[in-house]
Amino acid sequence: MSYNILIVDDSKTVRMMIDKTLRLTDIPLSQVHHAQNGCEAIELLAEEWIDLVLTDINMPEMDGVELIRKMKENCLLEKTPVIIVSTEGSQTRIDQLKQQGVQGYIRKPFTPEALKEVVENVFVN
């Protein structure tokens, strides 16, 4: 089985870094899609089957928290796993996001090993 992944971040550099890191792992990838904010992500999620969303929290137009809320309101997207990739590291914030159904959290900057571990944990569990 190979996976379709969506990377949501307002920084193209960060999106490309996550993409490249994923491709260096042995996680079987089918397609890796990119969106620069939650609005673009919602549009893409309506058109493509996505197995995992990796999203930043702080973005213009629609942030990651709003994206997660919109996904939970949609019966087709509510079970799609979400991993937060953010510089924000408050434990309270992380706990709140996990209560909203977020499966993982990676703090920027991250190592390729940390990214691989969190993504693999989502697909194994």
PDB file of N, CA and C in Angstrom:
ATOM      1  N   MET A   1       0.843  -1.185   0.000  1.00  0.00           N
ATOM      2  CA  MET A   1       0.000   0.000   0.000  1.00  0.00           C
ATOM      3  C   MET A   1       0.885   1.243   0.000  1.00  0.00           C
ATOM      4  N   SER A   2       0.502   2.222  -0.792  1.00  0.00           N
ATOM      5  CA  SER A   2       1.214   3.501  -0.772  1.00  0.00           C
ATOM      6  C   SER A   2       0.230   4.605  -0.401  1.00  0.00           C
ATOM      7  N   TYR A   3       0.769   5.705   0.092  1.00  0.00           N
ATOM      8  CA  TYR A   3      -0.059   6.740   0.708  1.00  0.00           C
ATOM      9  C   TYR A   3      -0.042   8.047  -0.071  1.00  0.00           C
ATOM     10  N   ASN A   4      -1.197   8.727  -0.035  1.00  0.00           N
ATOM     11  CA  ASN A   4      -1.320  10.094  -0.544  1.00  0.00           C
ATOM     12  C   ASN A   4      -1.257  11.022   0.657  1.00  0.00           C
ATOM     13  N   ILE A   5      -0.309  11.944   0.613  1.00  0.00           N
ATOM     14  CA  ILE A   5      -0.084  12.844   1.743  1.00  0.00           C
ATOM     15  C   ILE A   5      -0.273  14.285   1.287  1.00  0.00           C
ATOM     16  N   LEU A   6      -0.854  15.095   2.166  1.00  0.00           N
ATOM     17  CA  LEU A   6      -1.034  16.528   1.914  1.00  0.00           C
ATOM     18  C   LEU A   6      -0.208  17.298   2.937  1.00  0.00           C
ATOM     19  N   ILE A   7       0.659  18.177   2.425  1.00  0.00           N
ATOM     20  CA  ILE A   7       1.474  19.051   3.276  1.00  0.00           C
ATOM     21  C   ILE A   7       0.892  20.456   3.181  1.00  0.00           C
ATOM     22  N   VAL A   8       0.524  21.024   4.335  1.00  0.00           N
ATOM     23  CA  VAL A   8      -0.090  22.359   4.375  1.00  0.00           C
ATOM     24  C   VAL A   8       0.798  23.285   5.193  1.00  0.00           C
ATOM     25  N   ASP A   9       1.402  24.265   4.533  1.00  0.00           N
ATOM     26  CA  ASP A   9       2.264  25.232   5.213  1.00  0.00           C
ATOM     27  C   ASP A   9       2.376  26.454   4.315  1.00  0.00           C
ATOM     28  N   ASP A  10       2.367  27.648   4.905  1.00  0.00           N
ATOM     29  CA  ASP A  10       2.453  28.864   4.089  1.00  0.00           C
ATOM     30  C   ASP A  10       3.860  29.094   3.551  1.00  0.00           C
ATOM     31  N   SER A  11       4.846  28.354   4.051  1.00  0.00           N
ATOM     32  CA  SER A  11       6.215  28.481   3.560  1.00  0.00           C
ATOM     33  C   SER A  11       6.506  27.390   2.528  1.00  0.00           C
ATOM     34  N   LYS A  12       6.789  27.809   1.306  1.00  0.00           N
ATOM     35  CA  LYS A  12       7.122  26.837   0.266  1.00  0.00           C
ATOM     36  C   LYS A  12       8.375  26.050   0.646  1.00  0.00           C
ATOM     37  N   THR A  13       9.332  26.725   1.277  1.00  0.00           N
ATOM     38  CA  THR A  13      10.569  26.070   1.693  1.00  0.00           C
ATOM     39  C   THR A  13      10.279  24.933   2.671  1.00  0.00           C
ATOM     40  N   VAL A  14       9.407  25.186   3.635  1.00  0.00           N
ATOM     41  CA  VAL A  14       9.057  24.151   4.613  1.00  0.00           C
ATOM     42  C   VAL A  14       8.325  23.004   3.923  1.00  0.00           C
ATOM     43  N   ARG A  15       7.383  23.335   3.030  1.00  0.00           N
ATOM     44  CA  ARG A  15       6.670  22.275   2.302  1.00  0.00           C
ATOM     45  C   ARG A  15       7.646  21.395   1.532  1.00  0.00           C
ATOM     46  N   MET A  16       8.608  22.014   0.853  1.00  0.00           N
ATOM     47  CA  MET A  16       9.577  21.251   0.067  1.00  0.00           C
ATOM     48  C   MET A  16      10.485  20.412   0.980  1.00  0.00           C
ATOM     49  N   MET A  17      10.835  20.952   2.139  1.00  0.00           N
ATOM     50  CA  MET A  17      11.692  20.227   3.080  1.00  0.00           C
ATOM     51  C   MET A  17      10.957  18.984   3.620  1.00  0.00           C
ATOM     52  N   ILE A  18       9.685  19.145   3.982  1.00  0.00           N
ATOM     53  CA  ILE A  18       8.897  18.004   4.466  1.00  0.00           C
ATOM     54  C   ILE A  18       8.744  16.972   3.344  1.00  0.00           C
ATOM     55  N   ASP A  19       8.440  17.434   2.148  1.00  0.00           N
ATOM     56  CA  ASP A  19       8.281  16.556   0.984  1.00  0.00           C
ATOM     57  C   ASP A  19       9.562  15.742   0.765  1.00  0.00           C
ATOM     58  N   LYS A  20      10.683  16.432   0.709  1.00  0.00           N
ATOM     59  CA  LYS A  20      11.968  15.759   0.466  1.00  0.00           C
ATOM     60  C   LYS A  20      12.279  14.756   1.581  1.00  0.00           C
ATOM     61  N   THR A  21      12.027  15.154   2.816  1.00  0.00           N
ATOM     62  CA  THR A  21      12.279  14.271   3.952  1.00  0.00           C
ATOM     63  C   THR A  21      11.427  13.013   3.859  1.00  0.00           C
ATOM     64  N   LEU A  22      10.144  13.176   3.515  1.00  0.00           N
ATOM     65  CA  LEU A  22       9.263  12.014   3.373  1.00  0.00           C
ATOM     66  C   LEU A  22       9.775  11.070   2.287  1.00  0.00           C
ATOM     67  N   ARG A  23      10.243  11.647   1.196  1.00  0.00           N
ATOM     68  CA  ARG A  23      10.722  10.830   0.078  1.00  0.00           C
ATOM     69  C   ARG A  23      12.016  10.080   0.420  1.00  0.00           C
ATOM     70  N   LEU A  24      12.769  10.581   1.398  1.00  0.00           N
ATOM     71  CA  LEU A  24      14.003   9.915   1.823  1.00  0.00           C
ATOM     72  C   LEU A  24      13.744   8.749   2.779  1.00  0.00           C
ATOM     73  N   THR A  25      12.522   8.670   3.307  1.00  0.00           N
ATOM     74  CA  THR A  25      12.182   7.566   4.206  1.00  0.00           C
ATOM     75  C   THR A  25      11.742   6.371   3.365  1.00  0.00           C
ATOM     76  N   ASP A  26      11.509   5.262   4.033  1.00  0.00           N
ATOM     77  CA  ASP A  26      11.004   4.100   3.302  1.00  0.00           C
ATOM     78  C   ASP A  26       9.483   3.996   3.389  1.00  0.00           C
ATOM     79  N   ILE A  27       8.820   5.098   3.768  1.00  0.00           N
ATOM     80  CA  ILE A  27       7.355   5.123   3.783  1.00  0.00           C
ATOM     81  C   ILE A  27       6.888   5.108   2.328  1.00  0.00           C
ATOM     82  N   PRO A  28       6.032   4.150   1.963  1.00  0.00           N
ATOM     83  CA  PRO A  28       5.581   4.076   0.566  1.00  0.00           C
ATOM     84  C   PRO A  28       4.620   5.220   0.223  1.00  0.00           C
ATOM     85  N   LEU A  29       5.053   6.079  -0.681  1.00  0.00           N
ATOM     86  CA  LEU A  29       4.249   7.248  -1.065  1.00  0.00           C
ATOM     87  C   LEU A  29       3.701   7.067  -2.472  1.00  0.00           C
ATOM     88  N   SER A  30       2.447   7.425  -2.633  1.00  0.00           N
ATOM     89  CA  SER A  30       1.849   7.449  -3.953  1.00  0.00           C
ATOM     90  C   SER A  30       1.996   8.863  -4.513  1.00  0.00           C
ATOM     91  N   GLN A  31       1.379   9.826  -3.806  1.00  0.00           N
ATOM     92  CA  GLN A  31       1.483  11.232  -4.202  1.00  0.00           C
ATOM     93  C   GLN A  31       1.654  12.101  -2.961  1.00  0.00           C
ATOM     94  N   VAL A  32       2.375  13.201  -3.141  1.00  0.00           N
ATOM     95  CA  VAL A  32       2.505  14.200  -2.081  1.00  0.00           C
ATOM     96  C   VAL A  32       1.966  15.507  -2.645  1.00  0.00           C
ATOM     97  N   HIS A  33       0.882  15.990  -2.047  1.00  0.00           N
ATOM     98  CA  HIS A  33       0.241  17.231  -2.475  1.00  0.00           C
ATOM     99  C   HIS A  33       0.660  18.367  -1.551  1.00  0.00           C
ATOM    100  N   HIS A  34       0.582  19.594  -2.067  1.00  0.00           N
ATOM    101  CA  HIS A  34       0.957  20.774  -1.282  1.00  0.00           C
ATOM    102  C   HIS A  34      -0.185  21.783  -1.287  1.00  0.00           C
ATOM    103  N   ALA A  35      -0.362  22.465  -0.156  1.00  0.00           N
ATOM    104  CA  ALA A  35      -1.291  23.596  -0.050  1.00  0.00           C
ATOM    105  C   ALA A  35      -0.628  24.638   0.839  1.00  0.00           C
ATOM    106  N   GLN A  36      -0.872  25.923   0.527  1.00  0.00           N
ATOM    107  CA  GLN A  36      -0.201  26.961   1.325  1.00  0.00           C
ATOM    108  C   GLN A  36      -1.050  27.512   2.466  1.00  0.00           C
ATOM    109  N   ASN A  37      -2.295  27.030   2.593  1.00  0.00           N
ATOM    110  CA  ASN A  37      -3.128  27.415   3.729  1.00  0.00           C
ATOM    111  C   ASN A  37      -4.307  26.452   3.824  1.00  0.00           C
ATOM    112  N   GLY A  38      -5.097  26.603   4.860  1.00  0.00           N
ATOM    113  CA  GLY A  38      -6.230  25.712   5.072  1.00  0.00           C
ATOM    114  C   GLY A  38      -7.273  25.767   3.983  1.00  0.00           C
ATOM    115  N   CYS A  39      -7.496  26.942   3.387  1.00  0.00           N
ATOM    116  CA  CYS A  39      -8.478  27.065   2.301  1.00  0.00           C
ATOM    117  C   CYS A  39      -8.077  26.186   1.119  1.00  0.00           C
ATOM    118  N   GLU A  40      -6.819  26.280   0.715  1.00  0.00           N
ATOM    119  CA  GLU A  40      -6.332  25.445  -0.386  1.00  0.00           C
ATOM    120  C   GLU A  40      -6.416  23.967  -0.011  1.00  0.00           C
ATOM    121  N   ALA A  41      -6.118  23.665   1.240  1.00  0.00           N
ATOM    122  CA  ALA A  41      -6.155  22.275   1.702  1.00  0.00           C
ATOM    123  C   ALA A  41      -7.573  21.714   1.605  1.00  0.00           C
ATOM    124  N   ILE A  42      -8.565  22.468   2.042  1.00  0.00           N
ATOM    125  CA  ILE A  42      -9.962  22.013   1.985  1.00  0.00           C
ATOM    126  C   ILE A  42     -10.371  21.754   0.532  1.00  0.00           C
ATOM    127  N   GLU A  43      -9.980  22.651  -0.381  1.00  0.00           N
ATOM    128  CA  GLU A  43     -10.285  22.456  -1.804  1.00  0.00           C
ATOM    129  C   GLU A  43      -9.649  21.160  -2.312  1.00  0.00           C
ATOM    130  N   LEU A  44      -8.389  20.949  -1.966  1.00  0.00           N
ATOM    131  CA  LEU A  44      -7.684  19.757  -2.423  1.00  0.00           C
ATOM    132  C   LEU A  44      -8.288  18.493  -1.806  1.00  0.00           C
ATOM    133  N   LEU A  45      -8.648  18.558  -0.541  1.00  0.00           N
ATOM    134  CA  LEU A  45      -9.263  17.408   0.132  1.00  0.00           C
ATOM    135  C   LEU A  45     -10.600  17.025  -0.499  1.00  0.00           C
ATOM    136  N   ALA A  46     -11.282  17.998  -1.110  1.00  0.00           N
ATOM    137  CA  ALA A  46     -12.552  17.719  -1.787  1.00  0.00           C
ATOM    138  C   ALA A  46     -12.331  17.004  -3.123  1.00  0.00           C
ATOM    139  N   GLU A  47     -11.123  17.144  -3.684  1.00  0.00           N
ATOM    140  CA  GLU A  47     -10.835  16.588  -5.014  1.00  0.00           C
ATOM    141  C   GLU A  47     -10.014  15.310  -4.983  1.00  0.00           C
ATOM    142  N   GLU A  48      -9.197  15.126  -3.952  1.00  0.00           N
ATOM    143  CA  GLU A  48      -8.241  14.013  -3.908  1.00  0.00           C
ATOM    144  C   GLU A  48      -8.444  13.166  -2.662  1.00  0.00           C
ATOM    145  N   TRP A  49      -8.176  11.866  -2.794  1.00  0.00           N
ATOM    146  CA  TRP A  49      -8.162  11.007  -1.613  1.00  0.00           C
ATOM    147  C   TRP A  49      -6.827  11.226  -0.909  1.00  0.00           C
ATOM    148  N   ILE A  50      -6.862  11.642   0.350  1.00  0.00           N
ATOM    149  CA  ILE A  50      -5.659  11.911   1.130  1.00  0.00           C
ATOM    150  C   ILE A  50      -5.659  10.990   2.345  1.00  0.00           C
ATOM    151  N   ASP A  51      -4.523  10.323   2.565  1.00  0.00           N
ATOM    152  CA  ASP A  51      -4.389   9.400   3.688  1.00  0.00           C
ATOM    153  C   ASP A  51      -3.868  10.073   4.948  1.00  0.00           C
ATOM    154  N   LEU A  52      -3.186  11.209   4.786  1.00  0.00           N
ATOM    155  CA  LEU A  52      -2.589  11.898   5.925  1.00  0.00           C
ATOM    156  C   LEU A  52      -2.378  13.363   5.585  1.00  0.00           C
ATOM    157  N   VAL A  53      -2.714  14.240   6.544  1.00  0.00           N
ATOM    158  CA  VAL A  53      -2.463  15.674   6.400  1.00  0.00           C
ATOM    159  C   VAL A  53      -1.393  16.077   7.408  1.00  0.00           C
ATOM    160  N   LEU A  54      -0.351  16.734   6.914  1.00  0.00           N
ATOM    161  CA  LEU A  54       0.675  17.346   7.763  1.00  0.00           C
ATOM    162  C   LEU A  54       0.463  18.845   7.645  1.00  0.00           C
ATOM    163  N   THR A  55       0.105  19.511   8.741  1.00  0.00           N
ATOM    164  CA  THR A  55      -0.216  20.934   8.648  1.00  0.00           C
ATOM    165  C   THR A  55       0.470  21.774   9.722  1.00  0.00           C
ATOM    166  N   ASP A  56       0.793  22.988   9.309  1.00  0.00           N
ATOM    167  CA  ASP A  56       1.275  24.011  10.237  1.00  0.00           C
ATOM    168  C   ASP A  56       0.051  24.539  10.990  1.00  0.00           C
ATOM    169  N   ILE A  57       0.269  25.263  12.076  1.00  0.00           N
ATOM    170  CA  ILE A  57      -0.836  25.892  12.793  1.00  0.00           C
ATOM    171  C   ILE A  57      -1.061  27.306  12.275  1.00  0.00           C
ATOM    172  N   ASN A  58       0.008  28.108  12.248  1.00  0.00           N
ATOM    173  CA  ASN A  58      -0.117  29.530  11.929  1.00  0.00           C
ATOM    174  C   ASN A  58       0.071  29.776  10.431  1.00  0.00           C
ATOM    175  N   MET A  59      -1.063  30.075   9.751  1.00  0.00           N
ATOM    176  CA  MET A  59      -1.045  30.366   8.314  1.00  0.00           C
ATOM    177  C   MET A  59      -2.092  31.442   8.028  1.00  0.00           C
ATOM    178  N   PRO A  60      -1.897  32.203   6.951  1.00  0.00           N
ATOM    179  CA  PRO A  60      -2.901  33.198   6.577  1.00  0.00           C
ATOM    180  C   PRO A  60      -4.152  32.532   5.993  1.00  0.00           C
ATOM    181  N   GLU A  61      -5.224  33.271   5.906  1.00  0.00           N
ATOM    182  CA  GLU A  61      -6.512  32.861   5.331  1.00  0.00           C
ATOM    183  C   GLU A  61      -7.238  31.838   6.188  1.00  0.00           C
ATOM    184  N   MET A  62      -6.672  30.634   6.344  1.00  0.00           N
ATOM    185  CA  MET A  62      -7.244  29.640   7.247  1.00  0.00           C
ATOM    186  C   MET A  62      -6.094  28.903   7.921  1.00  0.00           C
ATOM    187  N   ASP A  63      -6.047  29.004   9.257  1.00  0.00           N
ATOM    188  CA  ASP A  63      -4.944  28.358   9.976  1.00  0.00           C
ATOM    189  C   ASP A  63      -5.208  26.866  10.160  1.00  0.00           C
ATOM    190  N   GLY A  64      -4.231  26.190  10.747  1.00  0.00           N
ATOM    191  CA  GLY A  64      -4.329  24.754  10.928  1.00  0.00           C
ATOM    192  C   GLY A  64      -5.446  24.330  11.865  1.00  0.00           C
ATOM    193  N   VAL A  65      -5.716  25.103  12.897  1.00  0.00           N
ATOM    194  CA  VAL A  65      -6.783  24.772  13.845  1.00  0.00           C
ATOM    195  C   VAL A  65      -8.139  24.818  13.132  1.00  0.00           C
ATOM    196  N   GLU A  66      -8.355  25.845  12.326  1.00  0.00           N
ATOM    197  CA  GLU A  66      -9.603  25.959  11.559  1.00  0.00           C
ATOM    198  C   GLU A  66      -9.703  24.827  10.534  1.00  0.00           C
ATOM    199  N   LEU A  67      -8.591  24.487   9.903  1.00  0.00           N
ATOM    200  CA  LEU A  67      -8.571  23.373   8.950  1.00  0.00           C
ATOM    201  C   LEU A  67      -9.021  22.087   9.640  1.00  0.00           C
ATOM    202  N   ILE A  68      -8.480  21.811  10.809  1.00  0.00           N
ATOM    203  CA  ILE A  68      -8.855  20.607  11.556  1.00  0.00           C
ATOM    204  C   ILE A  68     -10.352  20.642  11.894  1.00  0.00           C
ATOM    205  N   ARG A  69     -10.839  21.797  12.329  1.00  0.00           N
ATOM    206  CA  ARG A  69     -12.261  21.934  12.673  1.00  0.00           C
ATOM    207  C   ARG A  69     -13.140  21.644  11.458  1.00  0.00           C
ATOM    208  N   LYS A  70     -12.771  22.209  10.301  1.00  0.00           N
ATOM    209  CA  LYS A  70     -13.546  21.984   9.065  1.00  0.00           C
ATOM    210  C   LYS A  70     -13.508  20.508   8.661  1.00  0.00           C
ATOM    211  N   MET A  71     -12.348  19.876   8.825  1.00  0.00           N
ATOM    212  CA  MET A  71     -12.248  18.459   8.495  1.00  0.00           C
ATOM    213  C   MET A  71     -13.147  17.623   9.406  1.00  0.00           C
ATOM    214  N   LYS A  72     -13.204  17.950  10.695  1.00  0.00           N
ATOM    215  CA  LYS A  72     -14.024  17.197  11.642  1.00  0.00           C
ATOM    216  C   LYS A  72     -15.519  17.381  11.368  1.00  0.00           C
ATOM    217  N   GLU A  73     -15.894  18.487  10.731  1.00  0.00           N
ATOM    218  CA  GLU A  73     -17.298  18.741  10.396  1.00  0.00           C
ATOM    219  C   GLU A  73     -17.737  17.978   9.142  1.00  0.00           C
ATOM    220  N   ASN A  74     -16.786  17.450   8.388  1.00  0.00           N
ATOM    221  CA  ASN A  74     -17.079  16.771   7.126  1.00  0.00           C
ATOM    222  C   ASN A  74     -16.985  15.267   7.343  1.00  0.00           C
ATOM    223  N   CYS A  75     -18.094  14.547   7.116  1.00  0.00           N
ATOM    224  CA  CYS A  75     -18.110  13.100   7.400  1.00  0.00           C
ATOM    225  C   CYS A  75     -17.106  12.330   6.552  1.00  0.00           C
ATOM    226  N   LEU A  76     -16.704  12.860   5.397  1.00  0.00           N
ATOM    227  CA  LEU A  76     -15.721  12.183   4.561  1.00  0.00           C
ATOM    228  C   LEU A  76     -14.282  12.442   5.013  1.00  0.00           C
ATOM    229  N   LEU A  77     -14.074  13.514   5.775  1.00  0.00           N
ATOM    230  CA  LEU A  77     -12.726  13.900   6.186  1.00  0.00           C
ATOM    231  C   LEU A  77     -12.457  13.716   7.675  1.00  0.00           C
ATOM    232  N   GLU A  78     -13.500  13.487   8.461  1.00  0.00           N
ATOM    233  CA  GLU A  78     -13.344  13.496   9.916  1.00  0.00           C
ATOM    234  C   GLU A  78     -12.372  12.451  10.440  1.00  0.00           C
ATOM    235  N   LYS A  79     -12.180  11.362   9.714  1.00  0.00           N
ATOM    236  CA  LYS A  79     -11.271  10.307  10.168  1.00  0.00           C
ATOM    237  C   LYS A  79      -9.881  10.396   9.526  1.00  0.00           C
ATOM    238  N   THR A  80      -9.670  11.373   8.638  1.00  0.00           N
ATOM    239  CA  THR A  80      -8.360  11.545   8.013  1.00  0.00           C
ATOM    240  C   THR A  80      -7.357  11.975   9.082  1.00  0.00           C
ATOM    241  N   PRO A  81      -6.264  11.221   9.251  1.00  0.00           N
ATOM    242  CA  PRO A  81      -5.287  11.580  10.277  1.00  0.00           C
ATOM    243  C   PRO A  81      -4.598  12.913   9.980  1.00  0.00           C
ATOM    244  N   VAL A  82      -4.326  13.659  11.055  1.00  0.00           N
ATOM    245  CA  VAL A  82      -3.651  14.953  10.954  1.00  0.00           C
ATOM    246  C   VAL A  82      -2.459  14.960  11.902  1.00  0.00           C
ATOM    247  N   ILE A  83      -1.329  15.424  11.370  1.00  0.00           N
ATOM    248  CA  ILE A  83      -0.131  15.654  12.184  1.00  0.00           C
ATOM    249  C   ILE A  83       0.189  17.143  12.091  1.00  0.00           C
ATOM    250  N   ILE A  84       0.414  17.767  13.233  1.00  0.00           N
ATOM    251  CA  ILE A  84       0.800  19.177  13.273  1.00  0.00           C
ATOM    252  C   ILE A  84       2.322  19.266  13.148  1.00  0.00           C
ATOM    253  N   VAL A  85       2.780  20.170  12.281  1.00  0.00           N
ATOM    254  CA  VAL A  85       4.211  20.463  12.138  1.00  0.00           C
ATOM    255  C   VAL A  85       4.336  21.965  12.385  1.00  0.00           C
ATOM    256  N   SER A  86       4.841  22.345  13.555  1.00  0.00           N
ATOM    257  CA  SER A  86       4.793  23.761  13.933  1.00  0.00           C
ATOM    258  C   SER A  86       5.951  24.150  14.847  1.00  0.00           C
ATOM    259  N   THR A  87       6.234  25.449  14.884  1.00  0.00           N
ATOM    260  CA  THR A  87       7.214  25.976  15.838  1.00  0.00           C
ATOM    261  C   THR A  87       6.567  26.151  17.205  1.00  0.00           C
ATOM    262  N   GLU A  88       5.253  26.176  17.236  1.00  0.00           N
ATOM    263  CA  GLU A  88       4.531  26.359  18.486  1.00  0.00           C
ATOM    264  C   GLU A  88       4.673  25.103  19.343  1.00  0.00           C
ATOM    265  N   GLY A  89       5.145  25.267  20.568  1.00  0.00           N
ATOM    266  CA  GLY A  89       5.443  24.092  21.363  1.00  0.00           C
ATOM    267  C   GLY A  89       4.779  24.028  22.721  1.00  0.00           C
ATOM    268  N   SER A  90       3.783  24.869  22.964  1.00  0.00           N
ATOM    269  CA  SER A  90       3.099  24.880  24.255  1.00  0.00           C
ATOM    270  C   SER A  90       2.407  23.536  24.497  1.00  0.00           C
ATOM    271  N   GLN A  91       2.687  22.915  25.630  1.00  0.00           N
ATOM    272  CA  GLN A  91       2.081  21.611  25.938  1.00  0.00           C
ATOM    273  C   GLN A  91       0.564  21.728  26.026  1.00  0.00           C
ATOM    274  N   THR A  92       0.073  22.849  26.537  1.00  0.00           N
ATOM    275  CA  THR A  92      -1.371  23.072  26.614  1.00  0.00           C
ATOM    276  C   THR A  92      -1.978  23.053  25.220  1.00  0.00           C
ATOM    277  N   ARG A  93      -1.340  23.748  24.292  1.00  0.00           N
ATOM    278  CA  ARG A  93      -1.813  23.805  22.907  1.00  0.00           C
ATOM    279  C   ARG A  93      -1.780  22.417  22.270  1.00  0.00           C
ATOM    280  N   ILE A  94      -0.689  21.686  22.480  1.00  0.00           N
ATOM    281  CA  ILE A  94      -0.557  20.333  21.933  1.00  0.00           C
ATOM    282  C   ILE A  94      -1.667  19.442  22.494  1.00  0.00           C
ATOM    283  N   ASP A  95      -1.923  19.529  23.798  1.00  0.00           N
ATOM    284  CA  ASP A  95      -2.982  18.724  24.420  1.00  0.00           C
ATOM    285  C   ASP A  95      -4.355  19.077  23.844  1.00  0.00           C
ATOM    286  N   GLN A  96      -4.612  20.377  23.633  1.00  0.00           N
ATOM    287  CA  GLN A  96      -5.886  20.806  23.044  1.00  0.00           C
ATOM    288  C   GLN A  96      -6.055  20.221  21.646  1.00  0.00           C
ATOM    289  N   LEU A  97      -4.984  20.264  20.854  1.00  0.00           N
ATOM    290  CA  LEU A  97      -5.049  19.750  19.487  1.00  0.00           C
ATOM    291  C   LEU A  97      -5.265  18.237  19.485  1.00  0.00           C
ATOM    292  N   LYS A  98      -4.628  17.536  20.402  1.00  0.00           N
ATOM    293  CA  LYS A  98      -4.821  16.081  20.479  1.00  0.00           C
ATOM    294  C   LYS A  98      -6.250  15.747  20.886  1.00  0.00           C
ATOM    295  N   GLN A  99      -6.862  16.596  21.747  1.00  0.00           N
ATOM    296  CA  GLN A  99      -8.265  16.397  22.121  1.00  0.00           C
ATOM    297  C   GLN A  99      -9.176  16.591  20.908  1.00  0.00           C
ATOM    298  N   GLN A 100      -8.720  17.393  19.943  1.00  0.00           N
ATOM    299  CA  GLN A 100      -9.497  17.620  18.722  1.00  0.00           C
ATOM    300  C   GLN A 100      -9.242  16.532  17.679  1.00  0.00           C
ATOM    301  N   GLY A 101      -8.426  15.550  18.037  1.00  0.00           N
ATOM    302  CA  GLY A 101      -8.224  14.426  17.138  1.00  0.00           C
ATOM    303  C   GLY A 101      -6.911  14.402  16.386  1.00  0.00           C
ATOM    304  N   VAL A 102      -6.015  15.332  16.680  1.00  0.00           N
ATOM    305  CA  VAL A 102      -4.714  15.334  16.015  1.00  0.00           C
ATOM    306  C   VAL A 102      -3.923  14.105  16.466  1.00  0.00           C
ATOM    307  N   GLN A 103      -3.367  13.361  15.500  1.00  0.00           N
ATOM    308  CA  GLN A 103      -2.666  12.121  15.825  1.00  0.00           C
ATOM    309  C   GLN A 103      -1.197  12.297  16.187  1.00  0.00           C
ATOM    310  N   GLY A 104      -0.602  13.417  15.801  1.00  0.00           N
ATOM    311  CA  GLY A 104       0.810  13.599  16.094  1.00  0.00           C
ATOM    312  C   GLY A 104       1.205  15.060  16.065  1.00  0.00           C
ATOM    313  N   TYR A 105       2.368  15.329  16.623  1.00  0.00           N
ATOM    314  CA  TYR A 105       2.879  16.695  16.686  1.00  0.00           C
ATOM    315  C   TYR A 105       4.383  16.650  16.472  1.00  0.00           C
ATOM    316  N   ILE A 106       4.858  17.458  15.547  1.00  0.00           N
ATOM    317  CA  ILE A 106       6.291  17.567  15.293  1.00  0.00           C
ATOM    318  C   ILE A 106       6.666  19.032  15.434  1.00  0.00           C
ATOM    319  N   ARG A 107       7.676  19.288  16.224  1.00  0.00           N
ATOM    320  CA  ARG A 107       8.113  20.675  16.426  1.00  0.00           C
ATOM    321  C   ARG A 107       9.198  21.023  15.419  1.00  0.00           C
ATOM    322  N   LYS A 108       9.042  22.170  14.757  1.00  0.00           N
ATOM    323  CA  LYS A 108      10.073  22.679  13.842  1.00  0.00           C
ATOM    324  C   LYS A 108      11.173  23.319  14.676  1.00  0.00           C
ATOM    325  N   PRO A 109      12.412  23.192  14.317  1.00  0.00           N
ATOM    326  CA  PRO A 109      12.936  22.329  13.251  1.00  0.00           C
ATOM    327  C   PRO A 109      12.917  20.881  13.714  1.00  0.00           C
ATOM    328  N   PHE A 110      12.793  19.963  12.765  1.00  0.00           N
ATOM    329  CA  PHE A 110      12.699  18.546  13.103  1.00  0.00           C
ATOM    330  C   PHE A 110      13.783  17.773  12.359  1.00  0.00           C
ATOM    331  N   THR A 111      14.049  16.585  12.839  1.00  0.00           N
ATOM    332  CA  THR A 111      14.994  15.709  12.156  1.00  0.00           C
ATOM    333  C   THR A 111      14.200  14.784  11.230  1.00  0.00           C
ATOM    334  N   PRO A 112      14.818  14.280  10.182  1.00  0.00           N
ATOM    335  CA  PRO A 112      14.130  13.319   9.314  1.00  0.00           C
ATOM    336  C   PRO A 112      13.628  12.106  10.104  1.00  0.00           C
ATOM    337  N   GLU A 113      14.403  11.673  11.087  1.00  0.00           N
ATOM    338  CA  GLU A 113      14.016  10.516  11.896  1.00  0.00           C
ATOM    339  C   GLU A 113      12.742  10.799  12.698  1.00  0.00           C
ATOM    340  N   ALA A 114      12.645  12.006  13.248  1.00  0.00           N
ATOM    341  CA  ALA A 114      11.455  12.372  14.030  1.00  0.00           C
ATOM    342  C   ALA A 114      10.218  12.399  13.141  1.00  0.00           C
ATOM    343  N   LEU A 115      10.347  12.974  11.949  1.00  0.00           N
ATOM    344  CA  LEU A 115       9.219  13.031  11.008  1.00  0.00           C
ATOM    345  C   LEU A 115       8.791  11.615  10.626  1.00  0.00           C
ATOM    346  N   LYS A 116       9.758  10.792  10.272  1.00  0.00           N
ATOM    347  CA  LYS A 116       9.462   9.412   9.877  1.00  0.00           C
ATOM    348  C   LYS A 116       8.747   8.664  11.004  1.00  0.00           C
ATOM    349  N   GLU A 117       9.241   8.810  12.232  1.00  0.00           N
ATOM    350  CA  GLU A 117       8.656   8.105  13.366  1.00  0.00           C
ATOM    351  C   GLU A 117       7.197   8.491  13.588  1.00  0.00           C
ATOM    352  N   VAL A 118       6.886   9.781  13.558  1.00  0.00           N
ATOM    353  CA  VAL A 118       5.527  10.241  13.796  1.00  0.00           C
ATOM    354  C   VAL A 118       4.595   9.776  12.668  1.00  0.00           C
ATOM    355  N   VAL A 119       5.053   9.879  11.419  1.00  0.00           N
ATOM    356  CA  VAL A 119       4.226   9.451  10.287  1.00  0.00           C
ATOM    357  C   VAL A 119       3.992   7.940  10.348  1.00  0.00           C
ATOM    358  N   GLU A 120       5.028   7.180  10.616  1.00  0.00           N
ATOM    359  CA  GLU A 120       4.875   5.724  10.709  1.00  0.00           C
ATOM    360  C   GLU A 120       3.924   5.337  11.833  1.00  0.00           C
ATOM    361  N   ASN A 121       3.981   6.049  12.963  1.00  0.00           N
ATOM    362  CA  ASN A 121       3.068   5.761  14.071  1.00  0.00           C
ATOM    363  C   ASN A 121       1.613   5.935  13.671  1.00  0.00           C
ATOM    364  N   VAL A 122       1.320   6.924  12.834  1.00  0.00           N
ATOM    365  CA  VAL A 122      -0.049   7.144  12.367  1.00  0.00           C
ATOM    366  C   VAL A 122      -0.499   5.973  11.488  1.00  0.00           C
ATOM    367  N   PHE A 123       0.376   5.522  10.605  1.00  0.00           N
ATOM    368  CA  PHE A 123      -0.014   4.465   9.682  1.00  0.00           C
ATOM    369  C   PHE A 123      -0.049   3.088  10.336  1.00  0.00           C
ATOM    370  N   VAL A 124       0.711   2.892  11.399  1.00  0.00           N
ATOM    371  CA  VAL A 124       0.742   1.599  12.078  1.00  0.00           C
ATOM    372  C   VAL A 124      -0.446   1.476  13.028  1.00  0.00           C
ATOM    373  N   ASN A 125      -0.838   2.588  13.671  1.00  0.00           N
ATOM    374  CA  ASN A 125      -1.931   2.533  14.661  1.00  0.00           C
ATOM    375  C   ASN A 125      -3.272   2.729  14.064  1.00  0.00           C
TER     376      ASN A 125
END
